[in-house]
Each structure stands twice: as structure tokens, then as C-alpha cells.
């Protein structure tokens, strides 16, 4: 089986469910605990390319930090990218990367689309 990478938050129930689904399918999983080991700009741009999304599309708008600092702001995509780099808690999760494709696994079964 190929190795997949999961951008994982250890406290997130959807991350845990996605992890279990990947394990049940026999995948070798590389964990990226993105809150502790923040992605670089290059890495985040690569993930966004594999998702076919812009930074503003992977924001967790329900996070208190978003409401406090960014609600209603009109920023460029490069500025939103910097917001995510500075505040990785605002990045959707889990993101699963399989080769040249990626998906935000919400619900966890969405990961099946890229396996």
C-alpha cells in the first residue's frame, strides 16, 4: 500500500475517524501534527494545489480566533495563506494527501475519493 499523509490534530474527532478508516484499509500513514509542526509556505501551497483550492477555501471560519480577528475582512489569497501559516488552527482538518491528490476528509468517508 502507498503511504498517505494526514494533517492531523490529535484532539479532532474527524481526524481520529479518518485515521481509523485509513488503518482499516491497510494504508501506511504519515502523521503531520500541523499545530506543533507548522507547514511551510511551500508545503501549504503544494497541499492547496493538490486540493485544487485557494487558502480562503480551507479556513475554519467557526474558530473563535477567526471571529475575533478575521471575520468580515477582505484579504487577498496570499494574505489568507499567511493567516493560515501564522495560525494553523484556522486550517481545515483533516487533510489527507495521497500522491498528487488531496482531500479535506469531512466527513471521513471523503478520503475514499482519493484512495
N, C-alpha and C. Protein backbone atom coordinates (compact mmCIF):
# COMPACT_ATOMS: atom_id res chain seq x y z
N UNK A 1 0.84 -1.19 0.00
CA UNK A 1 0.00 0.00 0.00
C UNK A 1 0.88 1.25 0.00
N UNK A 2 0.42 2.27 -0.69
CA UNK A 2 1.18 3.53 -0.67
C UNK A 2 1.03 4.23 0.68
N UNK A 3 1.94 5.15 0.92
CA UNK A 3 1.89 5.95 2.14
C UNK A 3 1.03 7.18 1.88
N UNK A 4 0.16 7.50 2.81
CA UNK A 4 -0.64 8.72 2.75
C UNK A 4 -0.23 9.60 3.93
N UNK A 5 -0.39 10.89 3.74
CA UNK A 5 -0.10 11.83 4.81
C UNK A 5 -1.40 12.43 5.31
N UNK A 6 -1.56 12.47 6.61
CA UNK A 6 -2.75 13.07 7.19
C UNK A 6 -2.31 14.25 8.06
N UNK A 7 -2.84 15.42 7.72
CA UNK A 7 -2.63 16.61 8.55
C UNK A 7 -3.61 16.47 9.70
N UNK A 8 -3.07 16.19 10.84
CA UNK A 8 -3.82 15.65 11.98
C UNK A 8 -3.74 16.56 13.18
N UNK A 9 -4.88 16.70 13.83
CA UNK A 9 -4.97 17.37 15.13
C UNK A 9 -5.40 16.26 16.09
N UNK A 10 -4.56 15.93 17.03
CA UNK A 10 -4.82 14.81 17.92
C UNK A 10 -6.12 14.88 18.69
N UNK A 11 -6.70 16.07 18.81
CA UNK A 11 -7.93 16.26 19.57
C UNK A 11 -9.18 16.19 18.69
N UNK A 12 -9.01 16.19 17.39
CA UNK A 12 -10.13 16.29 16.45
C UNK A 12 -10.78 14.92 16.21
N UNK A 13 -12.08 14.82 16.43
CA UNK A 13 -12.78 13.55 16.24
C UNK A 13 -12.76 13.12 14.77
N UNK A 14 -12.88 14.06 13.84
CA UNK A 14 -12.86 13.71 12.41
C UNK A 14 -11.48 13.20 12.01
N UNK A 15 -10.42 13.76 12.60
CA UNK A 15 -9.06 13.28 12.35
C UNK A 15 -8.93 11.83 12.82
N UNK A 16 -9.44 11.57 14.01
CA UNK A 16 -9.37 10.22 14.57
C UNK A 16 -10.16 9.23 13.73
N UNK A 17 -11.36 9.63 13.29
CA UNK A 17 -12.18 8.75 12.45
C UNK A 17 -11.52 8.48 11.11
N UNK A 18 -10.93 9.51 10.52
CA UNK A 18 -10.23 9.34 9.24
C UNK A 18 -9.03 8.43 9.41
N UNK A 19 -8.30 8.60 10.50
CA UNK A 19 -7.16 7.75 10.80
C UNK A 19 -7.59 6.29 10.88
N UNK A 20 -8.66 6.02 11.59
CA UNK A 20 -9.15 4.64 11.73
C UNK A 20 -9.58 4.07 10.38
N UNK A 21 -10.22 4.88 9.56
CA UNK A 21 -10.64 4.43 8.24
C UNK A 21 -9.42 4.07 7.38
N UNK A 22 -8.40 4.91 7.40
CA UNK A 22 -7.18 4.63 6.65
C UNK A 22 -6.50 3.36 7.15
N UNK A 23 -6.44 3.18 8.45
CA UNK A 23 -5.85 1.97 9.03
C UNK A 23 -6.62 0.73 8.60
N UNK A 24 -7.95 0.84 8.62
CA UNK A 24 -8.78 -0.32 8.25
C UNK A 24 -8.57 -0.73 6.79
N UNK A 25 -8.14 0.21 5.97
CA UNK A 25 -7.87 -0.08 4.56
C UNK A 25 -6.43 -0.51 4.33
N UNK A 26 -5.63 -0.55 5.42
CA UNK A 26 -4.27 -1.04 5.34
C UNK A 26 -3.25 -0.02 4.86
N UNK A 27 -3.57 1.25 4.92
CA UNK A 27 -2.65 2.28 4.45
C UNK A 27 -1.56 2.57 5.47
N UNK A 28 -0.36 2.82 4.96
CA UNK A 28 0.76 3.30 5.75
C UNK A 28 0.55 4.80 5.91
N UNK A 29 0.49 5.26 7.14
CA UNK A 29 0.10 6.65 7.40
C UNK A 29 1.28 7.43 7.96
N UNK A 30 1.52 8.58 7.35
CA UNK A 30 2.48 9.53 7.88
C UNK A 30 1.66 10.64 8.53
N UNK A 31 1.91 10.88 9.80
CA UNK A 31 1.15 11.88 10.54
C UNK A 31 1.86 13.22 10.51
N UNK A 32 1.11 14.24 10.25
CA UNK A 32 1.65 15.60 10.31
C UNK A 32 0.80 16.36 11.33
N UNK A 33 1.33 16.48 12.53
CA UNK A 33 0.64 17.20 13.59
C UNK A 33 0.90 18.69 13.36
N UNK A 34 0.09 19.26 12.49
CA UNK A 34 0.34 20.59 11.94
C UNK A 34 0.27 21.72 12.97
N UNK A 35 -0.34 21.50 14.12
CA UNK A 35 -0.34 22.54 15.14
C UNK A 35 1.02 22.64 15.83
N UNK A 36 1.72 21.52 15.91
CA UNK A 36 3.05 21.50 16.53
C UNK A 36 4.16 21.68 15.50
N UNK A 37 3.94 21.14 14.33
CA UNK A 37 4.93 21.19 13.24
C UNK A 37 4.27 21.90 12.07
N UNK A 38 4.29 23.22 12.13
CA UNK A 38 3.58 24.04 11.15
C UNK A 38 4.09 23.80 9.74
N UNK A 39 3.18 23.77 8.78
CA UNK A 39 3.63 23.63 7.39
C UNK A 39 4.36 24.89 6.93
N UNK A 40 5.31 24.70 6.03
CA UNK A 40 5.98 25.84 5.41
C UNK A 40 5.07 26.42 4.33
N UNK A 41 5.43 27.59 3.86
CA UNK A 41 4.65 28.19 2.78
C UNK A 41 4.66 27.29 1.54
N UNK A 42 5.81 26.77 1.20
CA UNK A 42 5.91 25.88 0.03
C UNK A 42 5.04 24.65 0.21
N UNK A 43 5.11 24.05 1.37
CA UNK A 43 4.32 22.85 1.65
C UNK A 43 2.82 23.15 1.58
N UNK A 44 2.41 24.25 2.18
CA UNK A 44 0.99 24.59 2.16
C UNK A 44 0.51 24.88 0.74
N UNK A 45 1.34 25.55 -0.04
CA UNK A 45 0.97 25.80 -1.44
C UNK A 45 0.82 24.48 -2.22
N UNK A 46 1.70 23.52 -1.94
CA UNK A 46 1.61 22.20 -2.59
C UNK A 46 0.32 21.49 -2.20
N UNK A 47 -0.02 21.53 -0.93
CA UNK A 47 -1.26 20.89 -0.47
C UNK A 47 -2.47 21.57 -1.12
N UNK A 48 -2.46 22.89 -1.15
CA UNK A 48 -3.56 23.62 -1.78
C UNK A 48 -3.70 23.25 -3.25
N UNK A 49 -2.58 23.09 -3.94
CA UNK A 49 -2.60 22.70 -5.34
C UNK A 49 -3.22 21.31 -5.50
N UNK A 50 -2.87 20.40 -4.62
CA UNK A 50 -3.42 19.03 -4.67
C UNK A 50 -4.90 19.02 -4.32
N UNK A 51 -5.32 19.97 -3.49
CA UNK A 51 -6.75 20.09 -3.14
C UNK A 51 -7.54 20.82 -4.23
N UNK A 52 -6.83 21.52 -5.11
CA UNK A 52 -7.45 22.41 -6.11
C UNK A 52 -8.29 23.47 -5.40
N UNK A 53 -7.68 24.07 -4.38
CA UNK A 53 -8.37 25.08 -3.58
C UNK A 53 -7.45 26.27 -3.33
N UNK A 54 -8.09 27.37 -2.98
CA UNK A 54 -7.39 28.59 -2.57
C UNK A 54 -7.33 28.61 -1.03
N UNK A 55 -6.41 29.37 -0.47
CA UNK A 55 -6.32 29.44 1.00
C UNK A 55 -7.64 29.80 1.69
N UNK A 56 -8.39 30.72 1.12
CA UNK A 56 -9.65 31.13 1.75
C UNK A 56 -10.66 29.98 1.83
N UNK A 57 -10.49 28.97 0.99
CA UNK A 57 -11.42 27.85 0.96
C UNK A 57 -11.14 26.81 2.04
N UNK A 58 -9.98 26.89 2.69
CA UNK A 58 -9.68 25.90 3.73
C UNK A 58 -9.66 26.53 5.12
N UNK A 59 -10.24 27.70 5.24
CA UNK A 59 -10.31 28.36 6.54
C UNK A 59 -11.40 27.75 7.41
N UNK A 60 -11.11 27.60 8.68
CA UNK A 60 -12.11 27.18 9.67
C UNK A 60 -12.75 28.45 10.22
N UNK A 61 -13.80 28.88 9.57
CA UNK A 61 -14.46 30.14 9.90
C UNK A 61 -15.23 30.07 11.23
N UNK A 62 -15.44 28.87 11.74
CA UNK A 62 -16.13 28.72 13.01
C UNK A 62 -15.23 28.82 14.22
N UNK A 63 -13.94 28.91 14.00
CA UNK A 63 -12.99 29.03 15.11
C UNK A 63 -13.14 30.41 15.77
N UNK A 64 -13.08 30.46 17.10
CA UNK A 64 -13.15 31.75 17.79
C UNK A 64 -12.10 32.75 17.30
N UNK A 65 -10.90 32.27 17.01
CA UNK A 65 -9.85 33.16 16.52
C UNK A 65 -10.26 33.84 15.21
N UNK A 66 -10.92 33.09 14.34
CA UNK A 66 -11.37 33.69 13.08
C UNK A 66 -12.37 34.81 13.37
N UNK A 67 -13.34 34.53 14.23
CA UNK A 67 -14.35 35.54 14.56
C UNK A 67 -13.71 36.78 15.18
N UNK A 68 -12.73 36.56 16.05
CA UNK A 68 -12.09 37.67 16.76
C UNK A 68 -11.25 38.56 15.85
N UNK A 69 -10.53 37.94 14.92
CA UNK A 69 -9.53 38.71 14.18
C UNK A 69 -9.82 38.90 12.69
N UNK A 70 -10.60 37.98 12.10
CA UNK A 70 -10.67 37.99 10.64
C UNK A 70 -12.07 38.07 10.05
N UNK A 71 -13.09 37.93 10.86
CA UNK A 71 -14.47 37.98 10.37
C UNK A 71 -14.70 39.28 9.61
N UNK A 72 -15.20 39.16 8.40
CA UNK A 72 -15.54 40.32 7.59
C UNK A 72 -14.37 40.98 6.88
N UNK A 73 -13.17 40.48 7.07
CA UNK A 73 -12.01 41.08 6.41
C UNK A 73 -11.94 40.62 4.96
N UNK A 74 -11.56 41.54 4.11
CA UNK A 74 -11.35 41.25 2.69
C UNK A 74 -9.84 41.17 2.46
N UNK A 75 -9.32 39.96 2.35
CA UNK A 75 -7.89 39.76 2.16
C UNK A 75 -7.65 39.06 0.83
N UNK A 76 -6.45 39.24 0.29
CA UNK A 76 -6.07 38.51 -0.92
C UNK A 76 -5.78 37.06 -0.53
N UNK A 77 -5.70 36.20 -1.53
CA UNK A 77 -5.40 34.79 -1.25
C UNK A 77 -4.01 34.65 -0.62
N UNK A 78 -3.05 35.45 -1.05
CA UNK A 78 -1.72 35.41 -0.43
C UNK A 78 -1.79 35.83 1.04
N UNK A 79 -2.64 36.81 1.34
CA UNK A 79 -2.80 37.24 2.73
C UNK A 79 -3.48 36.15 3.55
N UNK A 80 -4.48 35.48 2.98
CA UNK A 80 -5.13 34.37 3.69
C UNK A 80 -4.12 33.24 3.93
N UNK A 81 -3.25 33.00 2.95
CA UNK A 81 -2.22 31.98 3.13
C UNK A 81 -1.35 32.32 4.33
N UNK A 82 -0.97 33.58 4.45
CA UNK A 82 -0.15 33.99 5.58
C UNK A 82 -0.91 33.85 6.90
N UNK A 83 -2.19 34.14 6.88
CA UNK A 83 -3.02 33.96 8.08
C UNK A 83 -2.97 32.50 8.54
N UNK A 84 -3.09 31.58 7.59
CA UNK A 84 -3.05 30.15 7.94
C UNK A 84 -1.67 29.76 8.45
N UNK A 85 -0.63 30.27 7.80
CA UNK A 85 0.73 29.96 8.24
C UNK A 85 0.97 30.47 9.66
N UNK A 86 0.44 31.64 9.96
CA UNK A 86 0.60 32.22 11.29
C UNK A 86 -0.32 31.59 12.33
N UNK A 87 -1.44 31.03 11.88
CA UNK A 87 -2.47 30.48 12.77
C UNK A 87 -2.97 29.14 12.23
N UNK A 88 -2.16 28.09 12.31
CA UNK A 88 -2.56 26.82 11.70
C UNK A 88 -3.87 26.25 12.24
N UNK A 89 -4.31 26.70 13.40
CA UNK A 89 -5.60 26.25 13.94
C UNK A 89 -6.74 26.62 13.00
N UNK A 90 -6.51 27.59 12.13
CA UNK A 90 -7.56 28.03 11.20
C UNK A 90 -7.64 27.19 9.93
N UNK A 91 -6.78 26.17 9.82
CA UNK A 91 -6.78 25.30 8.64
C UNK A 91 -7.76 24.15 8.84
N UNK A 92 -8.57 23.89 7.81
CA UNK A 92 -9.48 22.75 7.85
C UNK A 92 -8.71 21.47 8.12
N UNK A 93 -9.38 20.52 8.74
CA UNK A 93 -8.78 19.24 9.05
C UNK A 93 -9.82 18.15 9.05
N UNK A 94 -9.42 16.94 8.87
CA UNK A 94 -8.09 16.51 8.44
C UNK A 94 -7.93 16.66 6.93
N UNK A 95 -6.73 16.94 6.53
CA UNK A 95 -6.38 16.93 5.11
C UNK A 95 -5.55 15.68 4.89
N UNK A 96 -5.95 14.89 3.90
CA UNK A 96 -5.22 13.68 3.57
C UNK A 96 -4.63 13.84 2.18
N UNK A 97 -3.34 13.56 2.07
CA UNK A 97 -2.63 13.66 0.80
C UNK A 97 -2.22 12.26 0.38
N UNK A 98 -2.56 11.93 -0.85
CA UNK A 98 -2.19 10.64 -1.44
C UNK A 98 -1.57 10.93 -2.80
N UNK A 99 -0.25 10.97 -2.83
CA UNK A 99 0.44 11.27 -4.08
C UNK A 99 0.15 12.68 -4.54
N UNK A 100 -0.44 12.80 -5.73
CA UNK A 100 -0.73 14.11 -6.32
C UNK A 100 -2.13 14.60 -6.02
N UNK A 101 -2.84 13.91 -5.15
CA UNK A 101 -4.20 14.33 -4.82
C UNK A 101 -4.34 14.52 -3.31
N UNK A 102 -5.35 15.29 -2.95
CA UNK A 102 -5.62 15.52 -1.53
C UNK A 102 -7.10 15.79 -1.36
N UNK A 103 -7.55 15.64 -0.13
CA UNK A 103 -8.95 15.90 0.19
C UNK A 103 -9.05 16.34 1.64
N UNK A 104 -10.02 17.21 1.90
CA UNK A 104 -10.39 17.51 3.27
C UNK A 104 -11.41 16.44 3.65
N UNK A 105 -11.05 15.59 4.58
CA UNK A 105 -11.85 14.41 4.91
C UNK A 105 -12.95 14.74 5.91
N UNK A 106 -13.88 15.55 5.46
CA UNK A 106 -15.08 15.90 6.23
C UNK A 106 -16.28 15.67 5.34
N UNK A 107 -17.01 14.64 5.53
CA UNK A 107 -16.87 13.58 6.53
C UNK A 107 -15.68 12.67 6.20
N UNK A 108 -15.26 11.86 7.16
CA UNK A 108 -14.10 11.00 6.94
C UNK A 108 -14.17 10.14 5.68
N UNK A 109 -15.36 9.74 5.28
CA UNK A 109 -15.53 8.88 4.11
C UNK A 109 -15.06 9.57 2.81
N UNK A 110 -14.91 10.90 2.83
CA UNK A 110 -14.42 11.60 1.65
C UNK A 110 -13.02 11.15 1.27
N UNK A 111 -12.27 10.61 2.24
CA UNK A 111 -10.92 10.14 1.94
C UNK A 111 -10.96 9.01 0.91
N UNK A 112 -12.04 8.28 0.86
CA UNK A 112 -12.15 7.18 -0.09
C UNK A 112 -12.05 7.66 -1.53
N UNK A 113 -12.37 8.93 -1.78
CA UNK A 113 -12.31 9.50 -3.13
C UNK A 113 -10.90 9.55 -3.69
N UNK A 114 -9.89 9.52 -2.83
CA UNK A 114 -8.50 9.64 -3.31
C UNK A 114 -7.68 8.39 -3.07
N UNK A 115 -8.30 7.33 -2.58
CA UNK A 115 -7.53 6.10 -2.31
C UNK A 115 -7.53 5.18 -3.52
